[in-house]
Amino acid sequence: MPHDPFTEDQLLKAWLVSRGRCECCGKTLTNDNRGRESGKGSWEAHKAKGRDMPVILCTGEPESCHLNCGHNGDFQNEGVVPKQHKARRYEDF
């Protein structure tokens, strides 16, 4: 499922800034479940236009923000700016 190449440093900073929550719905995530499509706290890092760091989005149902916010409901969409994400930057952390 991972589709955007990020460094471990970028992922760690994004994870810390998100405080372990989905940046669209606010669901609590589990760091160990990065890149999983399902399971408690599963999530994916997503590229967002206008941001200098990844967006952290849940992948589990029922929200599945990676699909619904990050790709507007269709993985065929290249990737869009998540509808509700917080515009955080590294400097905000």
N, C-alpha and C. Protein backbone atom coordinates (compact mmCIF):
# COMPACT_ATOMS: atom_id res chain seq x y z
N MET A 1 0.79 -1.20 0.00
CA MET A 1 0.00 0.00 0.00
C MET A 1 0.84 1.27 0.00
N PRO A 2 2.01 1.35 0.65
CA PRO A 2 2.76 2.60 0.63
C PRO A 2 3.04 3.05 -0.79
N HIS A 3 2.82 4.31 -1.04
CA HIS A 3 3.00 4.80 -2.40
C HIS A 3 3.82 6.07 -2.48
N ASP A 4 4.01 6.75 -1.38
CA ASP A 4 4.80 7.98 -1.39
C ASP A 4 6.11 7.72 -0.68
N PRO A 5 7.24 8.01 -1.34
CA PRO A 5 8.54 7.75 -0.71
C PRO A 5 8.90 8.85 0.29
N PHE A 6 9.02 8.47 1.54
CA PHE A 6 9.43 9.40 2.59
C PHE A 6 10.62 8.80 3.32
N THR A 7 11.46 9.65 3.85
CA THR A 7 12.56 9.18 4.67
C THR A 7 12.03 8.83 6.06
N GLU A 8 12.77 8.03 6.79
CA GLU A 8 12.38 7.70 8.16
C GLU A 8 12.31 8.96 9.02
N ASP A 9 13.20 9.92 8.76
CA ASP A 9 13.19 11.17 9.51
C ASP A 9 11.90 11.96 9.25
N GLN A 10 11.48 12.03 7.99
CA GLN A 10 10.22 12.72 7.65
C GLN A 10 9.04 12.04 8.32
N LEU A 11 9.03 10.71 8.29
CA LEU A 11 7.93 9.96 8.90
C LEU A 11 7.89 10.15 10.41
N LEU A 12 9.04 10.12 11.05
CA LEU A 12 9.08 10.31 12.50
C LEU A 12 8.59 11.70 12.87
N LYS A 13 9.06 12.72 12.17
CA LYS A 13 8.62 14.09 12.47
C LYS A 13 7.12 14.25 12.25
N ALA A 14 6.61 13.71 11.16
CA ALA A 14 5.17 13.80 10.87
C ALA A 14 4.37 13.07 11.94
N TRP A 15 4.85 11.90 12.37
CA TRP A 15 4.18 11.13 13.41
C TRP A 15 4.12 11.93 14.71
N LEU A 16 5.25 12.53 15.09
CA LEU A 16 5.29 13.30 16.32
C LEU A 16 4.39 14.54 16.25
N VAL A 17 4.40 15.22 15.12
CA VAL A 17 3.56 16.40 14.95
C VAL A 17 2.08 16.03 15.00
N SER A 18 1.72 14.89 14.43
CA SER A 18 0.31 14.47 14.43
C SER A 18 -0.12 13.97 15.80
N ARG A 19 0.85 13.77 16.68
CA ARG A 19 0.60 13.23 18.02
C ARG A 19 -0.09 11.86 17.96
N GLY A 20 0.25 11.11 16.91
CA GLY A 20 -0.28 9.75 16.79
C GLY A 20 -1.75 9.69 16.44
N ARG A 21 -2.24 10.73 15.78
CA ARG A 21 -3.66 10.77 15.39
C ARG A 21 -3.78 11.02 13.90
N CYS A 22 -4.87 10.51 13.32
CA CYS A 22 -5.18 10.78 11.92
C CYS A 22 -5.43 12.28 11.78
N GLU A 23 -4.83 12.88 10.77
CA GLU A 23 -4.96 14.32 10.59
C GLU A 23 -6.26 14.73 9.91
N CYS A 24 -7.10 13.78 9.56
CA CYS A 24 -8.43 14.12 9.04
C CYS A 24 -9.50 13.88 10.10
N CYS A 25 -9.54 12.67 10.65
CA CYS A 25 -10.65 12.34 11.56
C CYS A 25 -10.25 12.39 13.03
N GLY A 26 -8.96 12.40 13.33
CA GLY A 26 -8.50 12.46 14.71
C GLY A 26 -8.40 11.12 15.41
N LYS A 27 -8.64 10.03 14.69
CA LYS A 27 -8.57 8.69 15.28
C LYS A 27 -7.16 8.43 15.81
N THR A 28 -7.06 7.78 16.97
CA THR A 28 -5.79 7.39 17.55
C THR A 28 -5.18 6.25 16.72
N LEU A 29 -3.90 6.40 16.39
CA LEU A 29 -3.20 5.44 15.55
C LEU A 29 -2.11 4.73 16.34
N THR A 30 -1.56 3.67 15.76
CA THR A 30 -0.49 2.90 16.38
C THR A 30 0.73 2.96 15.47
N ASN A 31 1.84 3.42 15.99
CA ASN A 31 3.03 3.59 15.16
C ASN A 31 3.45 2.28 14.49
N ASP A 32 3.27 1.17 15.17
CA ASP A 32 3.65 -0.13 14.61
C ASP A 32 2.78 -0.55 13.43
N ASN A 33 1.63 0.08 13.25
CA ASN A 33 0.72 -0.32 12.17
C ASN A 33 0.80 0.61 10.96
N ARG A 34 1.93 1.25 10.78
CA ARG A 34 2.16 2.06 9.58
C ARG A 34 2.16 1.17 8.34
N GLY A 35 1.49 1.62 7.31
CA GLY A 35 1.49 0.90 6.04
C GLY A 35 0.54 -0.27 5.96
N ARG A 36 -0.25 -0.49 6.99
CA ARG A 36 -1.23 -1.57 6.97
C ARG A 36 -2.57 -1.05 6.49
N GLU A 37 -3.31 -1.91 5.81
CA GLU A 37 -4.61 -1.52 5.28
C GLU A 37 -5.72 -1.64 6.31
N SER A 38 -5.51 -2.44 7.32
CA SER A 38 -6.55 -2.62 8.33
C SER A 38 -5.90 -2.95 9.65
N GLY A 39 -6.70 -3.01 10.67
CA GLY A 39 -6.20 -3.29 12.00
C GLY A 39 -6.29 -2.05 12.87
N LYS A 40 -6.30 -2.27 14.15
CA LYS A 40 -6.43 -1.16 15.09
C LYS A 40 -5.30 -0.16 14.91
N GLY A 41 -5.65 1.08 14.66
CA GLY A 41 -4.67 2.15 14.54
C GLY A 41 -3.83 2.13 13.29
N SER A 42 -4.28 1.45 12.22
CA SER A 42 -3.50 1.39 10.98
C SER A 42 -3.50 2.75 10.28
N TRP A 43 -2.38 3.05 9.60
CA TRP A 43 -2.25 4.37 8.97
C TRP A 43 -1.25 4.35 7.84
N GLU A 44 -1.25 5.44 7.09
CA GLU A 44 -0.34 5.63 5.96
C GLU A 44 0.07 7.10 5.92
N ALA A 45 1.31 7.33 5.54
CA ALA A 45 1.79 8.69 5.31
C ALA A 45 1.43 9.06 3.87
N HIS A 46 0.99 10.28 3.68
CA HIS A 46 0.48 10.72 2.38
C HIS A 46 1.09 12.07 2.03
N LYS A 47 1.47 12.20 0.77
CA LYS A 47 2.01 13.47 0.29
C LYS A 47 0.85 14.46 0.15
N ALA A 48 1.11 15.72 0.49
CA ALA A 48 0.08 16.75 0.34
C ALA A 48 0.69 18.00 -0.28
N LYS A 49 0.02 18.53 -1.25
CA LYS A 49 0.48 19.76 -1.89
C LYS A 49 0.47 20.88 -0.87
N GLY A 50 1.51 21.70 -0.91
CA GLY A 50 1.58 22.84 -0.01
C GLY A 50 2.09 22.52 1.38
N ARG A 51 2.50 21.28 1.61
CA ARG A 51 3.07 20.90 2.92
C ARG A 51 4.48 20.40 2.73
N ASP A 52 5.31 20.67 3.69
CA ASP A 52 6.69 20.21 3.62
C ASP A 52 6.91 18.91 4.37
N MET A 53 5.84 18.25 4.77
CA MET A 53 5.94 16.98 5.48
C MET A 53 4.73 16.12 5.12
N PRO A 54 4.82 14.82 5.34
CA PRO A 54 3.69 13.94 5.04
C PRO A 54 2.48 14.24 5.93
N VAL A 55 1.33 13.86 5.46
CA VAL A 55 0.10 13.89 6.23
C VAL A 55 -0.10 12.47 6.75
N ILE A 56 -0.47 12.32 8.00
CA ILE A 56 -0.72 11.02 8.60
C ILE A 56 -2.22 10.74 8.52
N LEU A 57 -2.60 9.67 7.80
CA LEU A 57 -4.00 9.35 7.57
C LEU A 57 -4.31 7.91 7.95
N CYS A 58 -5.43 7.69 8.63
CA CYS A 58 -5.83 6.32 8.99
C CYS A 58 -6.22 5.55 7.73
N THR A 59 -6.04 4.24 7.80
CA THR A 59 -6.41 3.38 6.68
C THR A 59 -7.53 2.42 7.04
N GLY A 60 -7.85 2.31 8.32
CA GLY A 60 -8.88 1.37 8.76
C GLY A 60 -10.29 1.91 8.60
N GLU A 61 -11.20 0.99 8.52
CA GLU A 61 -12.63 1.32 8.43
C GLU A 61 -13.12 1.76 9.81
N PRO A 62 -14.16 2.53 9.91
CA PRO A 62 -14.99 2.96 8.79
C PRO A 62 -14.49 4.24 8.11
N GLU A 63 -13.57 4.97 8.74
CA GLU A 63 -13.16 6.26 8.19
C GLU A 63 -12.31 6.13 6.93
N SER A 64 -11.28 5.30 7.00
CA SER A 64 -10.34 5.12 5.90
C SER A 64 -9.98 6.44 5.25
N CYS A 65 -9.42 7.34 6.04
CA CYS A 65 -9.10 8.69 5.55
C CYS A 65 -8.04 8.69 4.44
N HIS A 66 -7.16 7.69 4.42
CA HIS A 66 -6.19 7.62 3.33
C HIS A 66 -6.93 7.55 1.99
N LEU A 67 -7.95 6.71 1.92
CA LEU A 67 -8.75 6.60 0.70
C LEU A 67 -9.69 7.80 0.55
N ASN A 68 -10.46 8.09 1.58
CA ASN A 68 -11.54 9.06 1.45
C ASN A 68 -11.09 10.52 1.50
N CYS A 69 -10.07 10.82 2.27
CA CYS A 69 -9.56 12.20 2.30
C CYS A 69 -8.38 12.38 1.35
N GLY A 70 -7.46 11.41 1.36
CA GLY A 70 -6.24 11.54 0.57
C GLY A 70 -6.40 11.28 -0.91
N HIS A 71 -7.43 10.50 -1.28
CA HIS A 71 -7.63 10.18 -2.69
C HIS A 71 -9.07 10.46 -3.13
N ASN A 72 -9.79 11.20 -2.33
CA ASN A 72 -11.16 11.58 -2.65
C ASN A 72 -12.03 10.38 -3.01
N GLY A 73 -11.82 9.25 -2.28
CA GLY A 73 -12.66 8.08 -2.43
C GLY A 73 -12.28 7.11 -3.53
N ASP A 74 -11.19 7.39 -4.26
CA ASP A 74 -10.81 6.52 -5.38
C ASP A 74 -9.29 6.52 -5.51
N PHE A 75 -8.66 5.36 -5.28
CA PHE A 75 -7.20 5.29 -5.37
C PHE A 75 -6.68 5.59 -6.77
N GLN A 76 -7.55 5.62 -7.77
CA GLN A 76 -7.12 6.02 -9.11
C GLN A 76 -6.77 7.50 -9.16
N ASN A 77 -7.30 8.28 -8.22
CA ASN A 77 -6.92 9.69 -8.12
C ASN A 77 -5.48 9.74 -7.64
N GLU A 78 -4.69 10.55 -8.28
CA GLU A 78 -3.26 10.62 -7.99
C GLU A 78 -2.97 10.94 -6.53
N GLY A 79 -3.80 11.66 -5.92
CA GLY A 79 -3.60 12.10 -4.54
C GLY A 79 -3.97 13.56 -4.45
N VAL A 80 -4.78 13.87 -3.51
CA VAL A 80 -5.26 15.23 -3.36
C VAL A 80 -4.89 15.73 -1.97
N VAL A 81 -5.00 17.01 -1.78
CA VAL A 81 -4.78 17.55 -0.45
C VAL A 81 -5.95 17.09 0.41
N PRO A 82 -5.67 16.41 1.51
CA PRO A 82 -6.75 15.96 2.36
C PRO A 82 -7.69 17.10 2.73
N LYS A 83 -8.97 16.81 2.72
CA LYS A 83 -10.00 17.82 2.91
C LYS A 83 -9.93 18.54 4.26
N GLN A 84 -9.58 17.82 5.32
CA GLN A 84 -9.67 18.40 6.65
C GLN A 84 -8.34 18.46 7.38
N HIS A 85 -7.24 18.23 6.69
CA HIS A 85 -5.98 18.15 7.42
C HIS A 85 -5.59 19.50 8.02
N LYS A 86 -4.83 19.42 9.08
CA LYS A 86 -4.32 20.62 9.72
C LYS A 86 -3.02 21.01 9.02
N ALA A 87 -2.86 22.23 8.71
CA ALA A 87 -1.69 22.70 7.96
C ALA A 87 -0.49 22.87 8.89
N ARG A 88 -0.03 21.79 9.47
CA ARG A 88 1.12 21.85 10.37
C ARG A 88 2.41 21.76 9.58
N ARG A 89 3.43 22.38 10.13
CA ARG A 89 4.76 22.33 9.54
C ARG A 89 5.72 21.86 10.62
N TYR A 90 6.93 21.48 10.22
CA TYR A 90 7.92 21.06 11.20
C TYR A 90 8.11 22.13 12.26
N GLU A 91 8.10 23.40 11.83
CA GLU A 91 8.34 24.49 12.76
C GLU A 91 7.27 24.59 13.83
N ASP A 92 6.07 24.05 13.56
CA ASP A 92 4.98 24.10 14.52
C ASP A 92 5.18 23.14 15.69
N PHE A 93 6.07 22.17 15.49
CA PHE A 93 6.25 21.12 16.49
C PHE A 93 7.16 21.57 17.60
